[in-house]
Amino acid sequence: MRTSINILFFFLPFLVFWLYVSWARRRGAAHPPEWPWIMLTVVGVGLVAASFIFFRLTSVDEADCGQYVPAHYEDGQLIDGHCERQTP
């Protein structure tokens, strides 16, 4: 899921610029703007880096997890893996 979001963030500036160029051509622009490949790539990489930081800051930290209980069967039901906080 995160990979697809990062791919979307990378290509988002290209998509927005393509929509802008398409709009400019429909409005009758004599010379539509050239594609600024380097700037679009830098902005895309910046968005991906920002998403890495966002996902890191909002993810559950293993140090806060306490005791990890792996997925297991209990009474015929699959119980997902989860963290159990240890209370002193």
PDB file of N, CA and C in Angstrom:
ATOM      1  N   MET A   1       0.815  -1.185   0.000  1.00  0.00           N
ATOM      2  CA  MET A   1       0.000   0.000   0.000  1.00  0.00           C
ATOM      3  C   MET A   1       0.866   1.259   0.000  1.00  0.00           C
ATOM      4  N   ARG A   2       1.869   1.267   0.882  1.00  0.00           N
ATOM      5  CA  ARG A   2       2.739   2.439   0.922  1.00  0.00           C
ATOM      6  C   ARG A   2       3.504   2.619  -0.383  1.00  0.00           C
ATOM      7  N   THR A   3       3.872   1.512  -1.008  1.00  0.00           N
ATOM      8  CA  THR A   3       4.606   1.606  -2.272  1.00  0.00           C
ATOM      9  C   THR A   3       3.749   2.272  -3.335  1.00  0.00           C
ATOM     10  N   SER A   4       2.491   1.876  -3.441  1.00  0.00           N
ATOM     11  CA  SER A   4       1.621   2.474  -4.449  1.00  0.00           C
ATOM     12  C   SER A   4       1.373   3.951  -4.148  1.00  0.00           C
ATOM     13  N   ILE A   5       1.289   4.313  -2.873  1.00  0.00           N
ATOM     14  CA  ILE A   5       1.114   5.724  -2.521  1.00  0.00           C
ATOM     15  C   ILE A   5       2.360   6.513  -2.897  1.00  0.00           C
ATOM     16  N   ASN A   6       3.544   5.948  -2.655  1.00  0.00           N
ATOM     17  CA  ASN A   6       4.783   6.642  -3.021  1.00  0.00           C
ATOM     18  C   ASN A   6       4.916   6.783  -4.534  1.00  0.00           C
ATOM     19  N   ILE A   7       4.498   5.778  -5.285  1.00  0.00           N
ATOM     20  CA  ILE A   7       4.526   5.878  -6.747  1.00  0.00           C
ATOM     21  C   ILE A   7       3.578   6.980  -7.201  1.00  0.00           C
ATOM     22  N   LEU A   8       2.395   7.048  -6.586  1.00  0.00           N
ATOM     23  CA  LEU A   8       1.445   8.105  -6.912  1.00  0.00           C
ATOM     24  C   LEU A   8       2.034   9.477  -6.605  1.00  0.00           C
ATOM     25  N   PHE A   9       2.670   9.623  -5.439  1.00  0.00           N
ATOM     26  CA  PHE A   9       3.276  10.897  -5.076  1.00  0.00           C
ATOM     27  C   PHE A   9       4.387  11.292  -6.045  1.00  0.00           C
ATOM     28  N   PHE A  10       5.148  10.308  -6.539  1.00  0.00           N
ATOM     29  CA  PHE A  10       6.219  10.642  -7.479  1.00  0.00           C
ATOM     30  C   PHE A  10       5.650  11.149  -8.795  1.00  0.00           C
ATOM     31  N   PHE A  11       4.607  10.497  -9.295  1.00  0.00           N
ATOM     32  CA  PHE A  11       4.066  10.878 -10.601  1.00  0.00           C
ATOM     33  C   PHE A  11       3.046  12.011 -10.531  1.00  0.00           C
ATOM     34  N   LEU A  12       2.647  12.434  -9.342  1.00  0.00           N
ATOM     35  CA  LEU A  12       1.660  13.498  -9.191  1.00  0.00           C
ATOM     36  C   LEU A  12       2.074  14.812  -9.862  1.00  0.00           C
ATOM     37  N   PRO A  13       3.299  15.305  -9.694  1.00  0.00           N
ATOM     38  CA  PRO A  13       3.679  16.548 -10.390  1.00  0.00           C
ATOM     39  C   PRO A  13       3.610  16.419 -11.909  1.00  0.00           C
ATOM     40  N   PHE A  14       3.970  15.244 -12.449  1.00  0.00           N
ATOM     41  CA  PHE A  14       3.894  15.042 -13.890  1.00  0.00           C
ATOM     42  C   PHE A  14       2.443  15.080 -14.362  1.00  0.00           C
ATOM     43  N   LEU A  15       1.548  14.458 -13.581  1.00  0.00           N
ATOM     44  CA  LEU A  15       0.135  14.444 -13.925  1.00  0.00           C
ATOM     45  C   LEU A  15      -0.450  15.848 -13.879  1.00  0.00           C
ATOM     46  N   VAL A  16      -0.119  16.613 -12.841  1.00  0.00           N
ATOM     47  CA  VAL A  16      -0.636  17.976 -12.725  1.00  0.00           C
ATOM     48  C   VAL A  16      -0.114  18.835 -13.874  1.00  0.00           C
ATOM     49  N   PHE A  17       1.152  18.706 -14.217  1.00  0.00           N
ATOM     50  CA  PHE A  17       1.698  19.490 -15.321  1.00  0.00           C
ATOM     51  C   PHE A  17       1.084  19.076 -16.645  1.00  0.00           C
ATOM     52  N   TRP A  18       0.851  17.777 -16.845  1.00  0.00           N
ATOM     53  CA  TRP A  18       0.206  17.304 -18.071  1.00  0.00           C
ATOM     54  C   TRP A  18      -1.210  17.881 -18.193  1.00  0.00           C
ATOM     55  N   LEU A  19      -1.941  17.917 -17.080  1.00  0.00           N
ATOM     56  CA  LEU A  19      -3.282  18.516 -17.106  1.00  0.00           C
ATOM     57  C   LEU A  19      -3.201  20.000 -17.439  1.00  0.00           C
ATOM     58  N   TYR A  20      -2.203  20.687 -16.905  1.00  0.00           N
ATOM     59  CA  TYR A  20      -2.018  22.100 -17.213  1.00  0.00           C
ATOM     60  C   TYR A  20      -1.709  22.319 -18.694  1.00  0.00           C
ATOM     61  N   VAL A  21      -0.827  21.513 -19.243  1.00  0.00           N
ATOM     62  CA  VAL A  21      -0.480  21.642 -20.663  1.00  0.00           C
ATOM     63  C   VAL A  21      -1.697  21.334 -21.526  1.00  0.00           C
ATOM     64  N   SER A  22      -2.458  20.308 -21.175  1.00  0.00           N
ATOM     65  CA  SER A  22      -3.668  19.976 -21.931  1.00  0.00           C
ATOM     66  C   SER A  22      -4.664  21.124 -21.882  1.00  0.00           C
ATOM     67  N   TRP A  23      -4.825  21.723 -20.708  1.00  0.00           N
ATOM     68  CA  TRP A  23      -5.728  22.856 -20.569  1.00  0.00           C
ATOM     69  C   TRP A  23      -5.240  24.039 -21.412  1.00  0.00           C
ATOM     70  N   ALA A  24      -3.925  24.292 -21.400  1.00  0.00           N
ATOM     71  CA  ALA A  24      -3.367  25.406 -22.174  1.00  0.00           C
ATOM     72  C   ALA A  24      -3.565  25.185 -23.665  1.00  0.00           C
ATOM     73  N   ARG A  25      -3.423  23.945 -24.137  1.00  0.00           N
ATOM     74  CA  ARG A  25      -3.626  23.668 -25.562  1.00  0.00           C
ATOM     75  C   ARG A  25      -5.084  23.864 -25.954  1.00  0.00           C
ATOM     76  N   ARG A  26      -6.013  23.455 -25.083  1.00  0.00           N
ATOM     77  CA  ARG A  26      -7.424  23.643 -25.393  1.00  0.00           C
ATOM     78  C   ARG A  26      -7.808  25.109 -25.407  1.00  0.00           C
ATOM     79  N   ARG A  27      -7.130  25.908 -24.606  1.00  0.00           N
ATOM     80  CA  ARG A  27      -7.403  27.344 -24.569  1.00  0.00           C
ATOM     81  C   ARG A  27      -6.745  28.075 -25.733  1.00  0.00           C
ATOM     82  N   GLY A  28      -5.999  27.334 -26.556  1.00  0.00           N
ATOM     83  CA  GLY A  28      -5.409  27.920 -27.753  1.00  0.00           C
ATOM     84  C   GLY A  28      -4.052  28.541 -27.547  1.00  0.00           C
ATOM     85  N   ALA A  29      -3.267  28.017 -26.640  1.00  0.00           N
ATOM     86  CA  ALA A  29      -1.919  28.542 -26.429  1.00  0.00           C
ATOM     87  C   ALA A  29      -1.082  28.282 -27.675  1.00  0.00           C
ATOM     88  N   ALA A  30      -0.437  29.326 -28.170  1.00  0.00           N
ATOM     89  CA  ALA A  30       0.363  29.191 -29.384  1.00  0.00           C
ATOM     90  C   ALA A  30       1.559  28.280 -29.150  1.00  0.00           C
ATOM     91  N   HIS A  31       2.204  28.441 -28.033  1.00  0.00           N
ATOM     92  CA  HIS A  31       3.366  27.627 -27.687  1.00  0.00           C
ATOM     93  C   HIS A  31       3.174  27.091 -26.275  1.00  0.00           C
ATOM     94  N   PRO A  32       2.659  25.867 -26.149  1.00  0.00           N
ATOM     95  CA  PRO A  32       2.498  25.315 -24.797  1.00  0.00           C
ATOM     96  C   PRO A  32       3.862  25.184 -24.131  1.00  0.00           C
ATOM     97  N   PRO A  33       3.892  25.265 -22.821  1.00  0.00           N
ATOM     98  CA  PRO A  33       5.181  25.223 -22.109  1.00  0.00           C
ATOM     99  C   PRO A  33       5.907  23.901 -22.311  1.00  0.00           C
ATOM    100  N   GLU A  34       7.226  23.992 -22.270  1.00  0.00           N
ATOM    101  CA  GLU A  34       8.066  22.798 -22.347  1.00  0.00           C
ATOM    102  C   GLU A  34       7.967  22.032 -21.032  1.00  0.00           C
ATOM    103  N   TRP A  35       8.266  20.740 -21.096  1.00  0.00           N
ATOM    104  CA  TRP A  35       8.231  19.902 -19.893  1.00  0.00           C
ATOM    105  C   TRP A  35       9.501  20.121 -19.082  1.00  0.00           C
ATOM    106  N   PRO A  36       9.378  20.648 -17.875  1.00  0.00           N
ATOM    107  CA  PRO A  36      10.555  20.841 -17.000  1.00  0.00           C
ATOM    108  C   PRO A  36      10.868  19.544 -16.243  1.00  0.00           C
ATOM    109  N   TRP A  37      11.502  18.613 -16.936  1.00  0.00           N
ATOM    110  CA  TRP A  37      11.714  17.268 -16.392  1.00  0.00           C
ATOM    111  C   TRP A  37      12.443  17.271 -15.056  1.00  0.00           C
ATOM    112  N   ILE A  38      13.486  18.071 -14.956  1.00  0.00           N
ATOM    113  CA  ILE A  38      14.286  18.067 -13.728  1.00  0.00           C
ATOM    114  C   ILE A  38      13.467  18.596 -12.558  1.00  0.00           C
ATOM    115  N   MET A  39      12.745  19.701 -12.775  1.00  0.00           N
ATOM    116  CA  MET A  39      11.945  20.268 -11.695  1.00  0.00           C
ATOM    117  C   MET A  39      10.833  19.304 -11.269  1.00  0.00           C
ATOM    118  N   LEU A  40      10.163  18.668 -12.230  1.00  0.00           N
ATOM    119  CA  LEU A  40       9.102  17.722 -11.895  1.00  0.00           C
ATOM    120  C   LEU A  40       9.652  16.521 -11.139  1.00  0.00           C
ATOM    121  N   THR A  41      10.843  16.056 -11.515  1.00  0.00           N
ATOM    122  CA  THR A  41      11.469  14.932 -10.823  1.00  0.00           C
ATOM    123  C   THR A  41      11.849  15.316  -9.399  1.00  0.00           C
ATOM    124  N   VAL A  42      12.408  16.503  -9.223  1.00  0.00           N
ATOM    125  CA  VAL A  42      12.799  16.962  -7.885  1.00  0.00           C
ATOM    126  C   VAL A  42      11.567  17.098  -6.994  1.00  0.00           C
ATOM    127  N   VAL A  43      10.491  17.652  -7.525  1.00  0.00           N
ATOM    128  CA  VAL A  43       9.262  17.791  -6.736  1.00  0.00           C
ATOM    129  C   VAL A  43       8.701  16.411  -6.392  1.00  0.00           C
ATOM    130  N   GLY A  44       8.724  15.471  -7.350  1.00  0.00           N
ATOM    131  CA  GLY A  44       8.245  14.118  -7.090  1.00  0.00           C
ATOM    132  C   GLY A  44       9.062  13.419  -6.017  1.00  0.00           C
ATOM    133  N   VAL A  45      10.374  13.544  -6.088  1.00  0.00           N
ATOM    134  CA  VAL A  45      11.242  12.937  -5.073  1.00  0.00           C
ATOM    135  C   VAL A  45      11.004  13.602  -3.720  1.00  0.00           C
ATOM    136  N   GLY A  46      10.778  14.908  -3.724  1.00  0.00           N
ATOM    137  CA  GLY A  46      10.474  15.607  -2.478  1.00  0.00           C
ATOM    138  C   GLY A  46       9.175  15.122  -1.844  1.00  0.00           C
ATOM    139  N   LEU A  47       8.150  14.883  -2.673  1.00  0.00           N
ATOM    140  CA  LEU A  47       6.887  14.352  -2.150  1.00  0.00           C
ATOM    141  C   LEU A  47       7.069  12.949  -1.574  1.00  0.00           C
ATOM    142  N   VAL A  48       7.868  12.130  -2.254  1.00  0.00           N
ATOM    143  CA  VAL A  48       8.126  10.780  -1.749  1.00  0.00           C
ATOM    144  C   VAL A  48       8.882  10.856  -0.424  1.00  0.00           C
ATOM    145  N   ALA A  49       9.875  11.724  -0.330  1.00  0.00           N
ATOM    146  CA  ALA A  49      10.629  11.880   0.919  1.00  0.00           C
ATOM    147  C   ALA A  49       9.706  12.358   2.040  1.00  0.00           C
ATOM    148  N   ALA A  50       8.809  13.295   1.720  1.00  0.00           N
ATOM    149  CA  ALA A  50       7.854  13.771   2.727  1.00  0.00           C
ATOM    150  C   ALA A  50       6.927  12.648   3.173  1.00  0.00           C
ATOM    151  N   SER A  51       6.540  11.773   2.235  1.00  0.00           N
ATOM    152  CA  SER A  51       5.670  10.661   2.626  1.00  0.00           C
ATOM    153  C   SER A  51       6.427   9.655   3.491  1.00  0.00           C
ATOM    154  N   PHE A  52       7.724   9.447   3.225  1.00  0.00           N
ATOM    155  CA  PHE A  52       8.528   8.578   4.093  1.00  0.00           C
ATOM    156  C   PHE A  52       8.536   9.123   5.521  1.00  0.00           C
ATOM    157  N   ILE A  53       8.746  10.422   5.643  1.00  0.00           N
ATOM    158  CA  ILE A  53       8.781  11.040   6.965  1.00  0.00           C
ATOM    159  C   ILE A  53       7.411  10.932   7.632  1.00  0.00           C
ATOM    160  N   PHE A  54       6.349  11.204   6.876  1.00  0.00           N
ATOM    161  CA  PHE A  54       4.992  11.118   7.431  1.00  0.00           C
ATOM    162  C   PHE A  54       4.690   9.710   7.917  1.00  0.00           C
ATOM    163  N   PHE A  55       4.977   8.707   7.081  1.00  0.00           N
ATOM    164  CA  PHE A  55       4.681   7.335   7.471  1.00  0.00           C
ATOM    165  C   PHE A  55       5.518   6.908   8.682  1.00  0.00           C
ATOM    166  N   ARG A  56       6.738   7.374   8.758  1.00  0.00           N
ATOM    167  CA  ARG A  56       7.586   7.015   9.906  1.00  0.00           C
ATOM    168  C   ARG A  56       7.054   7.643  11.186  1.00  0.00           C
ATOM    169  N   LEU A  57       6.602   8.887  11.104  1.00  0.00           N
ATOM    170  CA  LEU A  57       6.118   9.570  12.294  1.00  0.00           C
ATOM    171  C   LEU A  57       4.762   9.055  12.752  1.00  0.00           C
ATOM    172  N   THR A  58       3.969   8.513  11.845  1.00  0.00           N
ATOM    173  CA  THR A  58       2.629   8.064  12.205  1.00  0.00           C
ATOM    174  C   THR A  58       2.520   6.563  12.393  1.00  0.00           C
ATOM    175  N   SER A  59       3.599   5.826  12.197  1.00  0.00           N
ATOM    176  CA  SER A  59       3.530   4.377  12.361  1.00  0.00           C
ATOM    177  C   SER A  59       3.753   4.002  13.827  1.00  0.00           C
ATOM    178  N   VAL A  60       3.319   2.817  14.183  1.00  0.00           N
ATOM    179  CA  VAL A  60       3.493   2.331  15.549  1.00  0.00           C
ATOM    180  C   VAL A  60       4.948   1.923  15.723  1.00  0.00           C
ATOM    181  N   ASP A  61       5.552   2.422  16.754  1.00  0.00           N
ATOM    182  CA  ASP A  61       6.946   2.117  17.024  1.00  0.00           C
ATOM    183  C   ASP A  61       7.034   0.807  17.801  1.00  0.00           C
ATOM    184  N   GLU A  62       7.988  -0.037  17.418  1.00  0.00           N
ATOM    185  CA  GLU A  62       8.143  -1.323  18.088  1.00  0.00           C
ATOM    186  C   GLU A  62       8.509  -1.161  19.566  1.00  0.00           C
ATOM    187  N   ALA A  63       9.191  -0.096  19.906  1.00  0.00           N
ATOM    188  CA  ALA A  63       9.561   0.114  21.305  1.00  0.00           C
ATOM    189  C   ALA A  63       8.317   0.356  22.158  1.00  0.00           C
ATOM    190  N   ASP A  64       7.279   0.923  21.560  1.00  0.00           N
ATOM    191  CA  ASP A  64       6.030   1.170  22.276  1.00  0.00           C
ATOM    192  C   ASP A  64       5.113  -0.040  22.272  1.00  0.00           C
ATOM    193  N   CYS A  65       5.517  -1.087  21.580  1.00  0.00           N
ATOM    194  CA  CYS A  65       4.655  -2.245  21.378  1.00  0.00           C
ATOM    195  C   CYS A  65       4.503  -3.073  22.636  1.00  0.00           C
ATOM    196  N   GLY A  66       5.511  -3.195  23.420  1.00  0.00           N
ATOM    197  CA  GLY A  66       5.456  -4.089  24.564  1.00  0.00           C
ATOM    198  C   GLY A  66       5.756  -5.508  24.111  1.00  0.00           C
ATOM    199  N   GLN A  67       4.842  -6.428  24.324  1.00  0.00           N
ATOM    200  CA  GLN A  67       5.024  -7.833  23.933  1.00  0.00           C
ATOM    201  C   GLN A  67       4.216  -8.108  22.669  1.00  0.00           C
ATOM    202  N   TYR A  68       4.881  -8.548  21.596  1.00  0.00           N
ATOM    203  CA  TYR A  68       4.189  -8.895  20.353  1.00  0.00           C
ATOM    204  C   TYR A  68       3.652 -10.314  20.460  1.00  0.00           C
ATOM    205  N   VAL A  69       2.382 -10.468  20.130  1.00  0.00           N
ATOM    206  CA  VAL A  69       1.739 -11.785  20.118  1.00  0.00           C
ATOM    207  C   VAL A  69       1.477 -12.130  18.657  1.00  0.00           C
ATOM    208  N   PRO A  70       2.146 -13.155  18.105  1.00  0.00           N
ATOM    209  CA  PRO A  70       1.965 -13.485  16.694  1.00  0.00           C
ATOM    210  C   PRO A  70       0.557 -14.012  16.420  1.00  0.00           C
ATOM    211  N   ALA A  71       0.191 -14.043  15.146  1.00  0.00           N
ATOM    212  CA  ALA A  71      -1.113 -14.569  14.748  1.00  0.00           C
ATOM    213  C   ALA A  71      -1.203 -16.042  15.154  1.00  0.00           C
ATOM    214  N   HIS A  72      -2.385 -16.424  15.616  1.00  0.00           N
ATOM    215  CA  HIS A  72      -2.575 -17.803  16.065  1.00  0.00           C
ATOM    216  C   HIS A  72      -4.061 -18.173  15.985  1.00  0.00           C
ATOM    217  N   TYR A  73      -4.317 -19.461  16.057  1.00  0.00           N
ATOM    218  CA  TYR A  73      -5.694 -19.955  16.077  1.00  0.00           C
ATOM    219  C   TYR A  73      -6.144 -20.112  17.523  1.00  0.00           C
ATOM    220  N   GLU A  74      -7.361 -19.661  17.773  1.00  0.00           N
ATOM    221  CA  GLU A  74      -7.943 -19.790  19.103  1.00  0.00           C
ATOM    222  C   GLU A  74      -9.415 -20.161  18.929  1.00  0.00           C
ATOM    223  N   ASP A  75      -9.794 -21.333  19.347  1.00  0.00           N
ATOM    224  CA  ASP A  75     -11.163 -21.841  19.201  1.00  0.00           C
ATOM    225  C   ASP A  75     -11.609 -21.842  17.741  1.00  0.00           C
ATOM    226  N   GLY A  76     -10.708 -22.210  16.834  1.00  0.00           N
ATOM    227  CA  GLY A  76     -11.039 -22.289  15.415  1.00  0.00           C
ATOM    228  C   GLY A  76     -11.053 -20.949  14.705  1.00  0.00           C
ATOM    229  N   GLN A  77     -10.741 -19.872  15.369  1.00  0.00           N
ATOM    230  CA  GLN A  77     -10.714 -18.536  14.776  1.00  0.00           C
ATOM    231  C   GLN A  77      -9.270 -18.064  14.682  1.00  0.00           C
ATOM    232  N   LEU A  78      -8.942 -17.415  13.570  1.00  0.00           N
ATOM    233  CA  LEU A  78      -7.601 -16.860  13.394  1.00  0.00           C
ATOM    234  C   LEU A  78      -7.548 -15.505  14.075  1.00  0.00           C
ATOM    235  N   ILE A  79      -6.675 -15.386  15.035  1.00  0.00           N
ATOM    236  CA  ILE A  79      -6.472 -14.131  15.762  1.00  0.00           C
ATOM    237  C   ILE A  79      -5.248 -13.456  15.159  1.00  0.00           C
ATOM    238  N   ASP A  80      -5.420 -12.207  14.705  1.00  0.00           N
ATOM    239  CA  ASP A  80      -4.312 -11.474  14.098  1.00  0.00           C
ATOM    240  C   ASP A  80      -3.218 -11.204  15.120  1.00  0.00           C
ATOM    241  N   GLY A  81      -2.005 -11.012  14.601  1.00  0.00           N
ATOM    242  CA  GLY A  81      -0.903 -10.632  15.473  1.00  0.00           C
ATOM    243  C   GLY A  81      -1.156  -9.241  16.029  1.00  0.00           C
ATOM    244  N   HIS A  82      -0.755  -9.017  17.252  1.00  0.00           N
ATOM    245  CA  HIS A  82      -0.990  -7.730  17.882  1.00  0.00           C
ATOM    246  C   HIS A  82       0.015  -7.508  19.009  1.00  0.00           C
ATOM    247  N   CYS A  83       0.024  -6.292  19.481  1.00  0.00           N
ATOM    248  CA  CYS A  83       0.899  -5.921  20.598  1.00  0.00           C
ATOM    249  C   CYS A  83       0.080  -5.895  21.876  1.00  0.00           C
ATOM    250  N   GLU A  84       0.658  -6.412  22.927  1.00  0.00           N
ATOM    251  CA  GLU A  84       0.050  -6.306  24.245  1.00  0.00           C
ATOM    252  C   GLU A  84       0.950  -5.465  25.101  1.00  0.00           C
ATOM    253  N   ARG A  85       0.399  -4.404  25.603  1.00  0.00           N
ATOM    254  CA  ARG A  85       1.177  -3.518  26.472  1.00  0.00           C
ATOM    255  C   ARG A  85       1.299  -4.170  27.850  1.00  0.00           C
ATOM    256  N   GLN A  86       2.482  -4.104  28.378  1.00  0.00           N
ATOM    257  CA  GLN A  86       2.723  -4.690  29.699  1.00  0.00           C
ATOM    258  C   GLN A  86       2.495  -3.602  30.748  1.00  0.00           C
ATOM    259  N   THR A  87       1.583  -3.870  31.625  1.00  0.00           N
ATOM    260  CA  THR A  87       1.310  -2.904  32.693  1.00  0.00           C
ATOM    261  C   THR A  87       2.104  -3.303  33.938  1.00  0.00           C
ATOM    262  N   PRO A  88       2.757  -2.327  34.545  1.00  0.00           N
ATOM    263  CA  PRO A  88       3.579  -2.653  35.725  1.00  0.00           C
ATOM    264  C   PRO A  88       2.733  -2.964  36.938  1.00  0.00           C
TER     265      PRO A  88
END
